[in-house]
Amino acid sequence: MRELRVCGAALLLWAVSAHAITPEGREFVAVLRELEPVQCEKRKLRWAIVLADAEKRSAEAKELRERFAALNRDPRTAELEKRLAQLEPRIRDGQGRVRDPEDLEAISGQQRAAFYRCE
């Protein structure tokens, strides 16, 4: 019973903190989630390109670079990345720090989770 109460309290704290971020922070995290599959694919391609270059497999490296460029040319990806670029100044202050610490925590958590899901 005690475990259930502790779990419930943790869930309540998480729910309250999830609403504490700014609307811009929420949108930033949502865009990151939408971009996650593309960013994961790009990360894998970068690694494969480096390995192909190191192993002097130039034909494979060229093909991988073309696939990477195709991901960048995708209109939906470009639109989402542009939106992230528009949101970033809104969540940062003049010195490059995040205005709301809750935003930083949410964005950082999303990026960490995406990194480990990509593996």
PDB file of N, CA and C in Angstrom:
ATOM      1  N   MET A   1       0.830  -1.189   0.000  1.00  0.00           N
ATOM      2  CA  MET A   1       0.000   0.000   0.000  1.00  0.00           C
ATOM      3  C   MET A   1       0.874   1.252   0.000  1.00  0.00           C
ATOM      4  N   ARG A   2       1.942   1.215   0.792  1.00  0.00           N
ATOM      5  CA  ARG A   2       2.864   2.356   0.868  1.00  0.00           C
ATOM      6  C   ARG A   2       3.492   2.614  -0.494  1.00  0.00           C
ATOM      7  N   GLU A   3       3.859   1.533  -1.196  1.00  0.00           N
ATOM      8  CA  GLU A   3       4.465   1.679  -2.520  1.00  0.00           C
ATOM      9  C   GLU A   3       3.505   2.350  -3.493  1.00  0.00           C
ATOM     10  N   LEU A   4       2.238   2.027  -3.368  1.00  0.00           N
ATOM     11  CA  LEU A   4       1.231   2.616  -4.231  1.00  0.00           C
ATOM     12  C   LEU A   4       1.116   4.115  -3.972  1.00  0.00           C
ATOM     13  N   ARG A   5       1.164   4.507  -2.707  1.00  0.00           N
ATOM     14  CA  ARG A   5       1.105   5.932  -2.370  1.00  0.00           C
ATOM     15  C   ARG A   5       2.328   6.678  -2.889  1.00  0.00           C
ATOM     16  N   VAL A   6       3.496   6.078  -2.740  1.00  0.00           N
ATOM     17  CA  VAL A   6       4.734   6.705  -3.218  1.00  0.00           C
ATOM     18  C   VAL A   6       4.686   6.848  -4.738  1.00  0.00           C
ATOM     19  N   CYS A   7       4.216   5.808  -5.402  1.00  0.00           N
ATOM     20  CA  CYS A   7       4.103   5.848  -6.862  1.00  0.00           C
ATOM     21  C   CYS A   7       3.097   6.921  -7.288  1.00  0.00           C
ATOM     22  N   GLY A   8       1.994   6.995  -6.575  1.00  0.00           N
ATOM     23  CA  GLY A   8       0.982   8.011  -6.878  1.00  0.00           C
ATOM     24  C   GLY A   8       1.516   9.417  -6.673  1.00  0.00           C
ATOM     25  N   ALA A   9       2.272   9.618  -5.597  1.00  0.00           N
ATOM     26  CA  ALA A   9       2.857  10.929  -5.320  1.00  0.00           C
ATOM     27  C   ALA A   9       3.862  11.302  -6.403  1.00  0.00           C
ATOM     28  N   ALA A  10       4.658  10.333  -6.830  1.00  0.00           N
ATOM     29  CA  ALA A  10       5.640  10.596  -7.887  1.00  0.00           C
ATOM     30  C   ALA A  10       4.931  10.951  -9.191  1.00  0.00           C
ATOM     31  N   LEU A  11       3.858  10.254  -9.484  1.00  0.00           N
ATOM     32  CA  LEU A  11       3.092  10.538 -10.693  1.00  0.00           C
ATOM     33  C   LEU A  11       2.483  11.934 -10.637  1.00  0.00           C
ATOM     34  N   LEU A  12       1.982  12.320  -9.473  1.00  0.00           N
ATOM     35  CA  LEU A  12       1.405  13.647  -9.300  1.00  0.00           C
ATOM     36  C   LEU A  12       2.468  14.728  -9.492  1.00  0.00           C
ATOM     37  N   LEU A  13       3.639  14.537  -8.904  1.00  0.00           N
ATOM     38  CA  LEU A  13       4.727  15.510  -9.069  1.00  0.00           C
ATOM     39  C   LEU A  13       5.140  15.618 -10.527  1.00  0.00           C
ATOM     40  N   TRP A  14       5.214  14.482 -11.207  1.00  0.00           N
ATOM     41  CA  TRP A  14       5.588  14.500 -12.614  1.00  0.00           C
ATOM     42  C   TRP A  14       4.546  15.261 -13.431  1.00  0.00           C
ATOM     43  N   ALA A  15       3.268  15.018 -13.145  1.00  0.00           N
ATOM     44  CA  ALA A  15       2.198  15.683 -13.891  1.00  0.00           C
ATOM     45  C   ALA A  15       2.222  17.185 -13.663  1.00  0.00           C
ATOM     46  N   VAL A  16       2.475  17.607 -12.421  1.00  0.00           N
ATOM     47  CA  VAL A  16       2.534  19.031 -12.111  1.00  0.00           C
ATOM     48  C   VAL A  16       3.731  19.669 -12.804  1.00  0.00           C
ATOM     49  N   SER A  17       4.870  19.002 -12.765  1.00  0.00           N
ATOM     50  CA  SER A  17       6.067  19.577 -13.390  1.00  0.00           C
ATOM     51  C   SER A  17       5.941  19.600 -14.906  1.00  0.00           C
ATOM     52  N   ALA A  18       5.182  18.671 -15.487  1.00  0.00           N
ATOM     53  CA  ALA A  18       5.007  18.651 -16.935  1.00  0.00           C
ATOM     54  C   ALA A  18       4.241  19.878 -17.411  1.00  0.00           C
ATOM     55  N   HIS A  19       3.376  20.408 -16.571  1.00  0.00           N
ATOM     56  CA  HIS A  19       2.605  21.586 -16.943  1.00  0.00           C
ATOM     57  C   HIS A  19       3.315  22.871 -16.563  1.00  0.00           C
ATOM     58  N   ALA A  20       4.433  22.778 -15.869  1.00  0.00           N
ATOM     59  CA  ALA A  20       5.134  23.971 -15.430  1.00  0.00           C
ATOM     60  C   ALA A  20       5.981  24.587 -16.537  1.00  0.00           C
ATOM     61  N   ILE A  21       6.225  23.852 -17.605  1.00  0.00           N
ATOM     62  CA  ILE A  21       7.047  24.434 -18.664  1.00  0.00           C
ATOM     63  C   ILE A  21       6.217  25.413 -19.486  1.00  0.00           C
ATOM     64  N   THR A  22       6.897  26.306 -20.149  1.00  0.00           N
ATOM     65  CA  THR A  22       6.237  27.343 -20.931  1.00  0.00           C
ATOM     66  C   THR A  22       5.631  26.735 -22.198  1.00  0.00           C
ATOM     67  N   PRO A  23       4.700  27.428 -22.830  1.00  0.00           N
ATOM     68  CA  PRO A  23       4.139  26.923 -24.087  1.00  0.00           C
ATOM     69  C   PRO A  23       5.217  26.732 -25.164  1.00  0.00           C
ATOM     70  N   GLU A  24       6.192  27.644 -25.188  1.00  0.00           N
ATOM     71  CA  GLU A  24       7.288  27.507 -26.165  1.00  0.00           C
ATOM     72  C   GLU A  24       8.106  26.254 -25.869  1.00  0.00           C
ATOM     73  N   GLY A  25       8.351  26.000 -24.583  1.00  0.00           N
ATOM     74  CA  GLY A  25       9.089  24.808 -24.191  1.00  0.00           C
ATOM     75  C   GLY A  25       8.348  23.541 -24.576  1.00  0.00           C
ATOM     76  N   ARG A  26       7.022  23.539 -24.368  1.00  0.00           N
ATOM     77  CA  ARG A  26       6.199  22.393 -24.748  1.00  0.00           C
ATOM     78  C   ARG A  26       6.253  22.161 -26.257  1.00  0.00           C
ATOM     79  N   GLU A  27       6.164  23.237 -27.019  1.00  0.00           N
ATOM     80  CA  GLU A  27       6.218  23.099 -28.476  1.00  0.00           C
ATOM     81  C   GLU A  27       7.599  22.614 -28.927  1.00  0.00           C
ATOM     82  N   PHE A  28       8.656  23.130 -28.291  1.00  0.00           N
ATOM     83  CA  PHE A  28      10.018  22.719 -28.614  1.00  0.00           C
ATOM     84  C   PHE A  28      10.166  21.211 -28.412  1.00  0.00           C
ATOM     85  N   VAL A  29       9.675  20.706 -27.281  1.00  0.00           N
ATOM     86  CA  VAL A  29       9.760  19.277 -26.992  1.00  0.00           C
ATOM     87  C   VAL A  29       8.932  18.480 -28.006  1.00  0.00           C
ATOM     88  N   ALA A  30       7.764  18.982 -28.369  1.00  0.00           N
ATOM     89  CA  ALA A  30       6.919  18.296 -29.342  1.00  0.00           C
ATOM     90  C   ALA A  30       7.611  18.199 -30.707  1.00  0.00           C
ATOM     91  N   VAL A  31       8.264  19.271 -31.114  1.00  0.00           N
ATOM     92  CA  VAL A  31       8.981  19.264 -32.393  1.00  0.00           C
ATOM     93  C   VAL A  31      10.170  18.300 -32.318  1.00  0.00           C
ATOM     94  N   LEU A  32      10.861  18.292 -31.179  1.00  0.00           N
ATOM     95  CA  LEU A  32      11.961  17.341 -31.009  1.00  0.00           C
ATOM     96  C   LEU A  32      11.468  15.909 -31.162  1.00  0.00           C
ATOM     97  N   ARG A  33      10.305  15.612 -30.585  1.00  0.00           N
ATOM     98  CA  ARG A  33       9.737  14.257 -30.700  1.00  0.00           C
ATOM     99  C   ARG A  33       9.431  13.917 -32.151  1.00  0.00           C
ATOM    100  N   GLU A  34       8.902  14.879 -32.895  1.00  0.00           N
ATOM    101  CA  GLU A  34       8.595  14.631 -34.300  1.00  0.00           C
ATOM    102  C   GLU A  34       9.867  14.411 -35.115  1.00  0.00           C
ATOM    103  N   LEU A  35      10.925  15.121 -34.758  1.00  0.00           N
ATOM    104  CA  LEU A  35      12.188  15.012 -35.493  1.00  0.00           C
ATOM    105  C   LEU A  35      13.031  13.806 -35.069  1.00  0.00           C
ATOM    106  N   GLU A  36      12.661  13.165 -33.982  1.00  0.00           N
ATOM    107  CA  GLU A  36      13.485  12.096 -33.418  1.00  0.00           C
ATOM    108  C   GLU A  36      13.863  11.010 -34.418  1.00  0.00           C
ATOM    109  N   PRO A  37      12.945  10.456 -35.204  1.00  0.00           N
ATOM    110  CA  PRO A  37      13.361   9.400 -36.145  1.00  0.00           C
ATOM    111  C   PRO A  37      14.382   9.892 -37.173  1.00  0.00           C
ATOM    112  N   VAL A  38      14.211  11.117 -37.641  1.00  0.00           N
ATOM    113  CA  VAL A  38      15.135  11.672 -38.634  1.00  0.00           C
ATOM    114  C   VAL A  38      16.500  11.912 -37.995  1.00  0.00           C
ATOM    115  N   GLN A  39      16.501  12.477 -36.785  1.00  0.00           N
ATOM    116  CA  GLN A  39      17.769  12.741 -36.106  1.00  0.00           C
ATOM    117  C   GLN A  39      18.507  11.438 -35.810  1.00  0.00           C
ATOM    118  N   CYS A  40      17.761  10.412 -35.458  1.00  0.00           N
ATOM    119  CA  CYS A  40      18.370   9.101 -35.200  1.00  0.00           C
ATOM    120  C   CYS A  40      19.008   8.553 -36.474  1.00  0.00           C
ATOM    121  N   GLU A  41      18.280   8.641 -37.571  1.00  0.00           N
ATOM    122  CA  GLU A  41      18.805   8.166 -38.846  1.00  0.00           C
ATOM    123  C   GLU A  41      20.050   8.954 -39.248  1.00  0.00           C
ATOM    124  N   LYS A  42      20.016  10.266 -39.058  1.00  0.00           N
ATOM    125  CA  LYS A  42      21.185  11.096 -39.379  1.00  0.00           C
ATOM    126  C   LYS A  42      22.393  10.683 -38.537  1.00  0.00           C
ATOM    127  N   ARG A  43      22.150  10.441 -37.274  1.00  0.00           N
ATOM    128  CA  ARG A  43      23.243  10.044 -36.376  1.00  0.00           C
ATOM    129  C   ARG A  43      23.869   8.733 -36.839  1.00  0.00           C
ATOM    130  N   LYS A  44      23.032   7.764 -37.205  1.00  0.00           N
ATOM    131  CA  LYS A  44      23.544   6.477 -37.682  1.00  0.00           C
ATOM    132  C   LYS A  44      24.307   6.651 -38.998  1.00  0.00           C
ATOM    133  N   LEU A  45      23.788   7.509 -39.871  1.00  0.00           N
ATOM    134  CA  LEU A  45      24.465   7.751 -41.140  1.00  0.00           C
ATOM    135  C   LEU A  45      25.816   8.424 -40.936  1.00  0.00           C
ATOM    136  N   ARG A  46      25.873   9.395 -40.016  1.00  0.00           N
ATOM    137  CA  ARG A  46      27.168  10.052 -39.738  1.00  0.00           C
ATOM    138  C   ARG A  46      28.207   9.025 -39.312  1.00  0.00           C
ATOM    139  N   TRP A  47      27.783   8.127 -38.414  1.00  0.00           N
ATOM    140  CA  TRP A  47      28.702   7.099 -37.914  1.00  0.00           C
ATOM    141  C   TRP A  47      29.135   6.178 -39.056  1.00  0.00           C
ATOM    142  N   ALA A  48      28.190   5.776 -39.896  1.00  0.00           N
ATOM    143  CA  ALA A  48      28.514   4.887 -41.012  1.00  0.00           C
ATOM    144  C   ALA A  48      29.432   5.580 -42.017  1.00  0.00           C
ATOM    145  N   ILE A  49      29.235   6.883 -42.239  1.00  0.00           N
ATOM    146  CA  ILE A  49      30.096   7.642 -43.159  1.00  0.00           C
ATOM    147  C   ILE A  49      31.521   7.685 -42.633  1.00  0.00           C
ATOM    148  N   VAL A  50      31.666   7.955 -41.359  1.00  0.00           N
ATOM    149  CA  VAL A  50      33.006   8.005 -40.749  1.00  0.00           C
ATOM    150  C   VAL A  50      33.688   6.644 -40.883  1.00  0.00           C
ATOM    151  N   LEU A  51      32.960   5.573 -40.602  1.00  0.00           N
ATOM    152  CA  LEU A  51      33.555   4.239 -40.725  1.00  0.00           C
ATOM    153  C   LEU A  51      33.925   3.926 -42.175  1.00  0.00           C
ATOM    154  N   ALA A  52      33.051   4.261 -43.106  1.00  0.00           N
ATOM    155  CA  ALA A  52      33.347   4.001 -44.524  1.00  0.00           C
ATOM    156  C   ALA A  52      34.568   4.794 -44.975  1.00  0.00           C
ATOM    157  N   ASP A  53      34.676   6.048 -44.523  1.00  0.00           N
ATOM    158  CA  ASP A  53      35.864   6.849 -44.863  1.00  0.00           C
ATOM    159  C   ASP A  53      37.123   6.254 -44.264  1.00  0.00           C
ATOM    160  N   ALA A  54      37.038   5.837 -43.001  1.00  0.00           N
ATOM    161  CA  ALA A  54      38.212   5.281 -42.325  1.00  0.00           C
ATOM    162  C   ALA A  54      38.660   3.979 -42.978  1.00  0.00           C
ATOM    163  N   GLU A  55      37.703   3.209 -43.455  1.00  0.00           N
ATOM    164  CA  GLU A  55      38.035   1.938 -44.090  1.00  0.00           C
ATOM    165  C   GLU A  55      38.230   2.074 -45.600  1.00  0.00           C
ATOM    166  N   LYS A  56      38.262   3.325 -46.076  1.00  0.00           N
ATOM    167  CA  LYS A  56      38.518   3.649 -47.479  1.00  0.00           C
ATOM    168  C   LYS A  56      37.536   2.966 -48.439  1.00  0.00           C
ATOM    169  N   ARG A  57      36.253   2.997 -48.044  1.00  0.00           N
ATOM    170  CA  ARG A  57      35.188   2.495 -48.910  1.00  0.00           C
ATOM    171  C   ARG A  57      34.462   3.721 -49.465  1.00  0.00           C
ATOM    172  N   SER A  58      35.085   4.355 -50.443  1.00  0.00           N
ATOM    173  CA  SER A  58      34.590   5.642 -50.935  1.00  0.00           C
ATOM    174  C   SER A  58      33.226   5.540 -51.629  1.00  0.00           C
ATOM    175  N   ALA A  59      32.962   4.471 -52.334  1.00  0.00           N
ATOM    176  CA  ALA A  59      31.666   4.329 -53.011  1.00  0.00           C
ATOM    177  C   ALA A  59      30.537   4.247 -51.983  1.00  0.00           C
ATOM    178  N   GLU A  60      30.759   3.490 -50.931  1.00  0.00           N
ATOM    179  CA  GLU A  60      29.750   3.374 -49.874  1.00  0.00           C
ATOM    180  C   GLU A  60      29.580   4.702 -49.141  1.00  0.00           C
ATOM    181  N   ALA A  61      30.700   5.384 -48.869  1.00  0.00           N
ATOM    182  CA  ALA A  61      30.642   6.680 -48.186  1.00  0.00           C
ATOM    183  C   ALA A  61      29.859   7.683 -49.027  1.00  0.00           C
ATOM    184  N   LYS A  62      30.054   7.646 -50.347  1.00  0.00           N
ATOM    185  CA  LYS A  62      29.332   8.567 -51.231  1.00  0.00           C
ATOM    186  C   LYS A  62      27.828   8.281 -51.181  1.00  0.00           C
ATOM    187  N   GLU A  63      27.463   7.018 -51.217  1.00  0.00           N
ATOM    188  CA  GLU A  63      26.049   6.632 -51.141  1.00  0.00           C
ATOM    189  C   GLU A  63      25.430   7.072 -49.807  1.00  0.00           C
ATOM    190  N   LEU A  64      26.174   6.892 -48.729  1.00  0.00           N
ATOM    191  CA  LEU A  64      25.683   7.295 -47.410  1.00  0.00           C
ATOM    192  C   LEU A  64      25.503   8.813 -47.321  1.00  0.00           C
ATOM    193  N   ARG A  65      26.436   9.545 -47.909  1.00  0.00           N
ATOM    194  CA  ARG A  65      26.321  11.010 -47.924  1.00  0.00           C
ATOM    195  C   ARG A  65      25.092  11.462 -48.716  1.00  0.00           C
ATOM    196  N   GLU A  66      24.806  10.754 -49.801  1.00  0.00           N
ATOM    197  CA  GLU A  66      23.617  11.074 -50.599  1.00  0.00           C
ATOM    198  C   GLU A  66      22.341  10.822 -49.796  1.00  0.00           C
ATOM    199  N   ARG A  67      22.310   9.721 -49.048  1.00  0.00           N
ATOM    200  CA  ARG A  67      21.148   9.443 -48.195  1.00  0.00           C
ATOM    201  C   ARG A  67      20.994  10.509 -47.120  1.00  0.00           C
ATOM    202  N   PHE A  68      22.122  10.952 -46.565  1.00  0.00           N
ATOM    203  CA  PHE A  68      22.103  12.001 -45.548  1.00  0.00           C
ATOM    204  C   PHE A  68      21.563  13.305 -46.139  1.00  0.00           C
ATOM    205  N   ALA A  69      22.036  13.648 -47.321  1.00  0.00           N
ATOM    206  CA  ALA A  69      21.573  14.871 -47.998  1.00  0.00           C
ATOM    207  C   ALA A  69      20.086  14.786 -48.316  1.00  0.00           C
ATOM    208  N   ALA A  70      19.607  13.595 -48.684  1.00  0.00           N
ATOM    209  CA  ALA A  70      18.181  13.422 -48.980  1.00  0.00           C
ATOM    210  C   ALA A  70      17.337  13.680 -47.737  1.00  0.00           C
ATOM    211  N   LEU A  71      17.827  13.275 -46.580  1.00  0.00           N
ATOM    212  CA  LEU A  71      17.106  13.553 -45.332  1.00  0.00           C
ATOM    213  C   LEU A  71      17.010  15.061 -45.095  1.00  0.00           C
ATOM    214  N   ASN A  72      18.084  15.771 -45.382  1.00  0.00           N
ATOM    215  CA  ASN A  72      18.078  17.225 -45.199  1.00  0.00           C
ATOM    216  C   ASN A  72      17.174  17.936 -46.199  1.00  0.00           C
ATOM    217  N   ARG A  73      16.987  17.353 -47.375  1.00  0.00           N
ATOM    218  CA  ARG A  73      16.139  17.970 -48.400  1.00  0.00           C
ATOM    219  C   ARG A  73      14.648  17.733 -48.172  1.00  0.00           C
ATOM    220  N   ASP A  74      14.316  16.801 -47.302  1.00  0.00           N
ATOM    221  CA  ASP A  74      12.906  16.498 -47.050  1.00  0.00           C
ATOM    222  C   ASP A  74      12.199  17.750 -46.539  1.00  0.00           C
ATOM    223  N   PRO A  75      11.117  18.184 -47.208  1.00  0.00           N
ATOM    224  CA  PRO A  75      10.447  19.423 -46.822  1.00  0.00           C
ATOM    225  C   PRO A  75       9.903  19.404 -45.391  1.00  0.00           C
ATOM    226  N   ARG A  76       9.386  18.272 -44.952  1.00  0.00           N
ATOM    227  CA  ARG A  76       8.841  18.192 -43.588  1.00  0.00           C
ATOM    228  C   ARG A  76       9.953  18.354 -42.551  1.00  0.00           C
ATOM    229  N   THR A  77      11.084  17.724 -42.788  1.00  0.00           N
ATOM    230  CA  THR A  77      12.220  17.842 -41.879  1.00  0.00           C
ATOM    231  C   THR A  77      12.712  19.286 -41.843  1.00  0.00           C
ATOM    232  N   ALA A  78      12.838  19.895 -43.008  1.00  0.00           N
ATOM    233  CA  ALA A  78      13.297  21.286 -43.076  1.00  0.00           C
ATOM    234  C   ALA A  78      12.340  22.209 -42.336  1.00  0.00           C
ATOM    235  N   GLU A  79      11.046  21.955 -42.473  1.00  0.00           N
ATOM    236  CA  GLU A  79      10.042  22.778 -41.797  1.00  0.00           C
ATOM    237  C   GLU A  79      10.154  22.650 -40.272  1.00  0.00           C
ATOM    238  N   LEU A  80      10.322  21.422 -39.792  1.00  0.00           N
ATOM    239  CA  LEU A  80      10.446  21.207 -38.343  1.00  0.00           C
ATOM    240  C   LEU A  80      11.734  21.815 -37.795  1.00  0.00           C
ATOM    241  N   GLU A  81      12.834  21.658 -38.526  1.00  0.00           N
ATOM    242  CA  GLU A  81      14.096  22.239 -38.066  1.00  0.00           C
ATOM    243  C   GLU A  81      14.032  23.768 -38.072  1.00  0.00           C
ATOM    244  N   LYS A  82      13.337  24.325 -39.040  1.00  0.00           N
ATOM    245  CA  LYS A  82      13.153  25.779 -39.084  1.00  0.00           C
ATOM    246  C   LYS A  82      12.338  26.236 -37.876  1.00  0.00           C
ATOM    247  N   ARG A  83      11.307  25.471 -37.526  1.00  0.00           N
ATOM    248  CA  ARG A  83      10.489  25.831 -36.361  1.00  0.00           C
ATOM    249  C   ARG A  83      11.315  25.777 -35.083  1.00  0.00           C
ATOM    250  N   LEU A  84      12.173  24.773 -34.948  1.00  0.00           N
ATOM    251  CA  LEU A  84      13.066  24.714 -33.779  1.00  0.00           C
ATOM    252  C   LEU A  84      13.947  25.953 -33.713  1.00  0.00           C
ATOM    253  N   ALA A  85      14.462  26.362 -34.853  1.00  0.00           N
ATOM    254  CA  ALA A  85      15.324  27.550 -34.899  1.00  0.00           C
ATOM    255  C   ALA A  85      14.547  28.804 -34.505  1.00  0.00           C
ATOM    256  N   GLN A  86      13.267  28.856 -34.815  1.00  0.00           N
ATOM    257  CA  GLN A  86      12.444  30.001 -34.421  1.00  0.00           C
ATOM    258  C   GLN A  86      12.122  29.976 -32.930  1.00  0.00           C
ATOM    259  N   LEU A  87      11.935  28.788 -32.394  1.00  0.00           N
ATOM    260  CA  LEU A  87      11.570  28.663 -30.976  1.00  0.00           C
ATOM    261  C   LEU A  87      12.754  28.884 -30.039  1.00  0.00           C
ATOM    262  N   GLU A  88      13.940  28.515 -30.485  1.00  0.00           N
ATOM    263  CA  GLU A  88      15.099  28.586 -29.592  1.00  0.00           C
ATOM    264  C   GLU A  88      15.315  29.970 -28.991  1.00  0.00           C
ATOM    265  N   PRO A  89      15.289  31.059 -29.764  1.00  0.00           N
ATOM    266  CA  PRO A  89      15.481  32.374 -29.130  1.00  0.00           C
ATOM    267  C   PRO A  89      14.371  32.725 -28.128  1.00  0.00           C
ATOM    268  N   ARG A  90      13.189  32.150 -28.319  1.00  0.00           N
ATOM    269  CA  ARG A  90      12.083  32.440 -27.410  1.00  0.00           C
ATOM    270  C   ARG A  90      12.250  31.767 -26.060  1.00  0.00           C
ATOM    271  N   ILE A  91      12.971  30.634 -26.015  1.00  0.00           N
ATOM    272  CA  ILE A  91      13.139  29.949 -24.737  1.00  0.00           C
ATOM    273  C   ILE A  91      14.465  30.306 -24.070  1.00  0.00           C
ATOM    274  N   ARG A  92      15.288  31.084 -24.760  1.00  0.00           N
ATOM    275  CA  ARG A  92      16.573  31.511 -24.192  1.00  0.00           C
ATOM    276  C   ARG A  92      16.546  33.000 -23.889  1.00  0.00           C
ATOM    277  N   ASP A  93      17.352  33.402 -22.901  1.00  0.00           N
ATOM    278  CA  ASP A  93      17.478  34.828 -22.617  1.00  0.00           C
ATOM    279  C   ASP A  93      18.616  35.394 -23.468  1.00  0.00           C
ATOM    280  N   GLY A  94      18.967  36.611 -23.261  1.00  0.00           N
ATOM    281  CA  GLY A  94      19.991  37.275 -24.063  1.00  0.00           C
ATOM    282  C   GLY A  94      21.382  36.674 -23.945  1.00  0.00           C
ATOM    283  N   GLN A  95      21.658  35.974 -22.834  1.00  0.00           N
ATOM    284  CA  GLN A  95      22.988  35.387 -22.636  1.00  0.00           C
ATOM    285  C   GLN A  95      23.069  33.914 -23.033  1.00  0.00           C
ATOM    286  N   GLY A  96      22.036  33.395 -23.700  1.00  0.00           N
ATOM    287  CA  GLY A  96      22.080  32.010 -24.159  1.00  0.00           C
ATOM    288  C   GLY A  96      21.583  31.001 -23.144  1.00  0.00           C
ATOM    289  N   ARG A  97      21.149  31.455 -21.970  1.00  0.00           N
ATOM    290  CA  ARG A  97      20.609  30.541 -20.956  1.00  0.00           C
ATOM    291  C   ARG A  97      19.115  30.372 -21.183  1.00  0.00           C
ATOM    292  N   VAL A  98      18.617  29.222 -20.771  1.00  0.00           N
ATOM    293  CA  VAL A  98      17.180  28.969 -20.878  1.00  0.00           C
ATOM    294  C   VAL A  98      16.463  29.810 -19.834  1.00  0.00           C
ATOM    295  N   ARG A  99      15.404  30.487 -20.255  1.00  0.00           N
ATOM    296  CA  ARG A  99      14.663  31.379 -19.353  1.00  0.00           C
ATOM    297  C   ARG A  99      14.018  30.633 -18.206  1.00  0.00           C
ATOM    298  N   ASP A 100      13.400  29.509 -18.489  1.00  0.00           N
ATOM    299  CA  ASP A 100      12.683  28.741 -17.480  1.00  0.00           C
ATOM    300  C   ASP A 100      13.412  27.422 -17.235  1.00  0.00           C
ATOM    301  N   PRO A 101      13.861  27.172 -16.007  1.00  0.00           N
ATOM    302  CA  PRO A 101      14.579  25.924 -15.720  1.00  0.00           C
ATOM    303  C   PRO A 101      13.747  24.671 -16.041  1.00  0.00           C
ATOM    304  N   GLU A 102      12.430  24.777 -15.929  1.00  0.00           N
ATOM    305  CA  GLU A 102      11.571  23.641 -16.262  1.00  0.00           C
ATOM    306  C   GLU A 102      11.673  23.306 -17.748  1.00  0.00           C
ATOM    307  N   ASP A 103      11.811  24.332 -18.578  1.00  0.00           N
ATOM    308  CA  ASP A 103      11.994  24.106 -20.014  1.00  0.00           C
ATOM    309  C   ASP A 103      13.281  23.329 -20.266  1.00  0.00           C
ATOM    310  N   LEU A 104      14.337  23.771 -19.619  1.00  0.00           N
ATOM    311  CA  LEU A 104      15.634  23.113 -19.793  1.00  0.00           C
ATOM    312  C   LEU A 104      15.550  21.648 -19.379  1.00  0.00           C
ATOM    313  N   GLU A 105      14.910  21.392 -18.263  1.00  0.00           N
ATOM    314  CA  GLU A 105      14.782  20.019 -17.777  1.00  0.00           C
ATOM    315  C   GLU A 105      13.984  19.160 -18.760  1.00  0.00           C
ATOM    316  N   ALA A 106      12.882  19.695 -19.277  1.00  0.00           N
ATOM    317  CA  ALA A 106      12.048  18.942 -20.216  1.00  0.00           C
ATOM    318  C   ALA A 106      12.774  18.690 -21.538  1.00  0.00           C
ATOM    319  N   ILE A 107      13.436  19.708 -22.055  1.00  0.00           N
ATOM    320  CA  ILE A 107      14.156  19.574 -23.327  1.00  0.00           C
ATOM    321  C   ILE A 107      15.317  18.601 -23.179  1.00  0.00           C
ATOM    322  N   SER A 108      16.059  18.746 -22.105  1.00  0.00           N
ATOM    323  CA  SER A 108      17.193  17.859 -21.859  1.00  0.00           C
ATOM    324  C   SER A 108      16.727  16.417 -21.692  1.00  0.00           C
ATOM    325  N   GLY A 109      15.646  16.223 -20.956  1.00  0.00           N
ATOM    326  CA  GLY A 109      15.109  14.875 -20.763  1.00  0.00           C
ATOM    327  C   GLY A 109      14.678  14.245 -22.077  1.00  0.00           C
ATOM    328  N   GLN A 110      14.023  15.032 -22.929  1.00  0.00           N
ATOM    329  CA  GLN A 110      13.594  14.530 -24.234  1.00  0.00           C
ATOM    330  C   GLN A 110      14.801  14.151 -25.091  1.00  0.00           C
ATOM    331  N   GLN A 111      15.844  14.983 -25.076  1.00  0.00           N
ATOM    332  CA  GLN A 111      17.027  14.696 -25.885  1.00  0.00           C
ATOM    333  C   GLN A 111      17.760  13.450 -25.381  1.00  0.00           C
ATOM    334  N   ARG A 112      17.844  13.302 -24.060  1.00  0.00           N
ATOM    335  CA  ARG A 112      18.485  12.101 -23.506  1.00  0.00           C
ATOM    336  C   ARG A 112      17.701  10.849 -23.874  1.00  0.00           C
ATOM    337  N   ALA A 113      16.390  10.904 -23.709  1.00  0.00           N
ATOM    338  CA  ALA A 113      15.548   9.744 -24.027  1.00  0.00           C
ATOM    339  C   ALA A 113      15.681   9.388 -25.507  1.00  0.00           C
ATOM    340  N   ALA A 114      15.682  10.386 -26.373  1.00  0.00           N
ATOM    341  CA  ALA A 114      15.812  10.155 -27.809  1.00  0.00           C
ATOM    342  C   ALA A 114      17.159   9.520 -28.126  1.00  0.00           C
ATOM    343  N   PHE A 115      18.202   9.968 -27.464  1.00  0.00           N
ATOM    344  CA  PHE A 115      19.543   9.420 -27.678  1.00  0.00           C
ATOM    345  C   PHE A 115      19.559   7.927 -27.373  1.00  0.00           C
ATOM    346  N   TYR A 116      18.983   7.541 -26.243  1.00  0.00           N
ATOM    347  CA  TYR A 116      19.021   6.124 -25.857  1.00  0.00           C
ATOM    348  C   TYR A 116      18.037   5.276 -26.661  1.00  0.00           C
ATOM    349  N   ARG A 117      16.940   5.862 -27.119  1.00  0.00           N
ATOM    350  CA  ARG A 117      16.016   5.109 -27.973  1.00  0.00           C
ATOM    351  C   ARG A 117      16.637   4.840 -29.340  1.00  0.00           C
ATOM    352  N   CYS A 118      17.543   5.693 -29.749  1.00  0.00           N
ATOM    353  CA  CYS A 118      18.176   5.569 -31.069  1.00  0.00           C
ATOM    354  C   CYS A 118      19.159   4.409 -31.118  1.00  0.00           C
ATOM    355  N   GLU A 119      19.710   4.050 -30.004  1.00  0.00           N
ATOM    356  CA  GLU A 119      20.718   2.972 -29.979  1.00  0.00           C
ATOM    357  C   GLU A 119      20.235   1.681 -30.512  1.00  0.00           C
TER     358      GLU A 119
END
